[in-house]
Amino acid sequence: MKTLILMRHAKSDWSTGEESDHARPLNRRGRASALALGNWLRGKGWLPDQVLCSTARRTRETLAGLGLEVEADYRDALYHAEVEALLEAVRGATGGTVLIIGHNPGIGELAERLVAEAPEHREFYNYPTGATLVVRFGVDGWPEVGERTGEAVDFVVPRELV
C-alpha cells in the first residue's frame, strides 16, 4: 500500500514586483494556509516520509510553512510540470507516503487522472491554491501506479481550515 499527497502551493503574492514567476513568494494568506495545512496533515496522520517539491519560491515556502520534519527533494522538473512529468516523479518515488508540492494545471490534472472516483467536493476540479488530495494505492511499488488506480481518501482546501 502506498499513499500519495498531492498539494498545490499556497496563495502567492502578485504584488511584490518580482520579475520572475519562479521567485514569487507566498502572501500572508498563503503563509497562514500552509500552517493550517501542516496542522491538518499532522492531525489526520498524513505524514510523508518523502517530499518532492518544485523549486519555485512559493512551493518551497509552502513546504516550510507545513512544519513537517522531513527532508525535501527539490526538483526543477516539477516547476509547472505537466501530468506526464509528475506521473514520472510518482513512479520514481521511494517513500511509503509521498508528498508532492507543485503547480496547476499539472497537479490538479494529475489528481483527476489518478483517482478511480473523484472526492465529492465542490473544489476538486478547480484545485485552488493549497488544495490537497490524499490518495491510496493498493500496490507494492510506485512504478505500478497508473491512471484511475487510486482511492481518494481525503481532500481539503485551506479556506476550510483557516
Protein backbone atom coordinates (compact mmCIF):
# COMPACT_ATOMS: atom_id res chain seq x y z
CA MET A 1 0.00 0.00 0.00
CA LYS A 2 1.31 3.44 -0.99
CA THR A 3 -0.06 6.88 -0.07
CA LEU A 4 0.36 9.99 -2.20
CA ILE A 5 -0.38 13.53 -1.05
CA LEU A 6 -0.81 15.99 -3.93
CA MET A 7 -0.67 19.63 -2.84
CA ARG A 8 -0.87 22.77 -4.88
CA HIS A 9 1.25 25.57 -3.40
CA ALA A 10 -0.49 28.05 -1.11
CA LYS A 11 -1.63 31.51 -2.25
CA SER A 12 1.19 33.59 -3.69
CA ASP A 13 1.79 37.32 -3.73
CA TRP A 14 1.44 39.01 -7.10
CA SER A 15 2.17 42.48 -5.72
CA THR A 16 5.85 42.05 -4.83
CA GLY A 17 7.14 43.27 -8.16
CA GLU A 18 9.12 40.08 -8.72
CA GLU A 19 10.01 39.87 -12.38
CA SER A 20 10.31 36.10 -12.26
CA ASP A 21 7.31 33.84 -11.74
CA HIS A 22 9.71 31.35 -10.17
CA ALA A 23 10.66 33.88 -7.46
CA ARG A 24 7.10 34.83 -6.43
CA PRO A 25 6.62 34.39 -2.63
CA LEU A 26 3.55 33.46 -0.60
CA ASN A 27 1.28 36.22 0.62
CA ARG A 28 0.03 36.47 4.21
CA ARG A 29 -2.99 34.29 3.48
CA GLY A 30 -0.74 31.72 1.83
CA ARG A 31 1.54 31.54 4.88
CA ALA A 32 -1.49 31.05 7.14
CA SER A 33 -2.85 28.38 4.79
CA ALA A 34 0.46 26.48 4.78
CA LEU A 35 0.48 26.43 8.59
CA ALA A 36 -3.15 25.23 8.65
CA LEU A 37 -2.42 22.53 6.07
CA GLY A 38 0.53 21.29 8.13
CA ASN A 39 -1.69 21.08 11.21
CA TRP A 40 -4.32 19.24 9.15
CA LEU A 41 -1.77 16.73 7.84
CA ARG A 42 -0.46 16.04 11.37
CA GLY A 43 -3.97 15.85 12.82
CA LYS A 44 -5.07 13.34 10.22
CA GLY A 45 -1.84 11.33 10.46
CA TRP A 46 -0.88 12.03 6.84
CA LEU A 47 2.85 12.33 7.49
CA PRO A 48 5.08 11.92 4.46
CA ASP A 49 8.41 10.14 4.62
CA GLN A 50 9.39 11.63 1.26
CA VAL A 51 8.73 15.09 -0.20
CA LEU A 52 9.14 16.03 -3.86
CA CYS A 53 8.83 19.78 -4.31
CA SER A 54 9.08 22.26 -7.16
CA THR A 55 11.99 24.67 -6.84
CA ALA A 56 9.72 27.74 -7.09
CA ARG A 57 9.85 30.04 -4.09
CA ARG A 58 6.11 29.69 -3.40
CA THR A 59 6.30 25.87 -3.26
CA ARG A 60 9.39 25.95 -1.02
CA GLU A 61 7.66 28.45 1.29
CA THR A 62 4.54 26.28 1.34
CA LEU A 63 6.62 23.30 2.42
CA ALA A 64 8.43 25.32 5.09
CA GLY A 65 5.08 26.55 6.43
CA LEU A 66 3.79 22.99 6.81
CA GLY A 67 6.33 22.44 9.58
CA LEU A 68 6.96 18.82 8.67
CA GLU A 69 10.10 17.10 9.83
CA VAL A 70 11.13 15.51 6.56
CA GLU A 71 13.83 16.38 4.07
CA ALA A 72 12.71 17.58 0.68
CA ASP A 73 13.93 16.71 -2.77
CA TYR A 74 13.62 19.99 -4.70
CA ARG A 75 13.26 19.42 -8.43
CA ASP A 76 13.32 21.90 -11.28
CA ALA A 77 11.35 19.36 -13.33
CA LEU A 78 8.34 19.89 -11.03
CA TYR A 79 8.13 23.63 -11.75
CA HIS A 80 4.94 23.96 -13.82
CA ALA A 81 5.26 20.27 -14.71
CA GLU A 82 2.77 18.60 -16.98
CA VAL A 83 0.96 15.44 -15.93
CA GLU A 84 3.43 13.08 -17.59
CA ALA A 85 6.41 14.58 -15.73
CA LEU A 86 4.51 14.46 -12.45
CA LEU A 87 3.49 10.85 -13.02
CA GLU A 88 7.12 10.01 -13.76
CA ALA A 89 8.08 11.57 -10.41
CA VAL A 90 5.40 9.50 -8.66
CA ARG A 91 6.59 6.29 -10.30
CA GLY A 92 10.17 7.04 -9.23
CA ALA A 93 9.27 7.75 -5.59
CA THR A 94 10.82 5.68 -2.81
CA GLY A 95 8.79 6.54 0.30
CA GLY A 96 5.71 4.86 1.68
CA THR A 97 3.85 8.16 1.96
CA VAL A 98 4.97 10.77 -0.57
CA LEU A 99 4.04 14.45 -0.67
CA ILE A 100 4.36 16.31 -3.96
CA ILE A 101 4.03 20.10 -3.90
CA GLY A 102 3.53 21.63 -7.32
CA HIS A 103 1.54 23.92 -9.56
CA ASN A 104 -1.63 23.96 -11.60
CA PRO A 105 -2.70 22.92 -14.08
CA GLY A 106 -0.48 19.83 -13.77
CA ILE A 107 -1.06 18.95 -10.12
CA GLY A 108 -4.85 19.22 -10.43
CA GLU A 109 -4.88 17.24 -13.67
CA LEU A 110 -2.76 14.51 -12.08
CA ALA A 111 -5.18 14.33 -9.16
CA GLU A 112 -8.08 13.83 -11.56
CA ARG A 113 -6.27 11.16 -13.56
CA LEU A 114 -5.05 9.09 -10.61
CA VAL A 115 -8.30 8.57 -8.70
CA ALA A 116 -10.81 5.91 -9.65
CA GLU A 117 -13.55 8.15 -8.19
CA ALA A 118 -13.20 11.85 -7.52
CA PRO A 119 -13.95 13.02 -3.99
CA GLU A 120 -17.34 14.64 -3.56
CA HIS A 121 -16.01 18.13 -3.03
CA ARG A 122 -17.09 21.22 -4.95
CA GLU A 123 -13.48 22.44 -5.33
CA PHE A 124 -11.83 19.23 -6.52
CA TYR A 125 -11.97 20.04 -10.22
CA ASN A 126 -10.83 23.64 -9.61
CA TYR A 127 -7.89 22.56 -7.42
CA PRO A 128 -7.41 26.03 -5.90
CA THR A 129 -4.21 27.15 -4.18
CA GLY A 130 -3.42 24.90 -1.24
CA ALA A 131 -5.80 22.15 -2.39
CA THR A 132 -4.56 18.85 -1.01
CA LEU A 133 -5.59 15.34 -2.03
CA VAL A 134 -4.61 12.15 -0.24
CA VAL A 135 -4.69 9.07 -2.49
CA ARG A 136 -4.04 5.44 -1.55
CA PHE A 137 -2.84 2.82 -3.98
CA GLY A 138 -3.05 -0.92 -3.40
CA VAL A 139 0.39 -1.51 -4.90
CA ASP A 140 3.74 -2.70 -3.60
CA GLY A 141 5.81 -0.23 -5.62
CA TRP A 142 5.33 3.22 -7.11
CA PRO A 143 6.09 2.04 -10.68
CA GLU A 144 2.74 0.19 -10.55
CA VAL A 145 0.73 3.39 -10.13
CA GLY A 146 -1.45 4.15 -13.13
CA GLU A 147 -4.40 6.25 -14.12
CA ARG A 148 -7.63 5.60 -12.21
CA THR A 149 -5.87 3.20 -9.79
CA GLY A 150 -6.00 5.35 -6.67
CA GLU A 151 -8.59 5.72 -3.95
CA ALA A 152 -9.23 9.29 -2.83
CA VAL A 153 -9.24 9.11 0.96
CA ASP A 154 -9.14 12.81 1.86
CA PHE A 155 -9.31 16.23 0.22
CA VAL A 156 -9.19 19.72 1.69
CA VAL A 157 -8.81 23.32 0.67
CA PRO A 158 -7.28 25.88 3.06
CA ARG A 159 -10.37 28.06 3.47
CA GLU A 160 -11.98 25.11 5.30
CA LEU A 161 -9.13 25.21 7.83
CA VAL A 162 -8.45 28.92 8.50
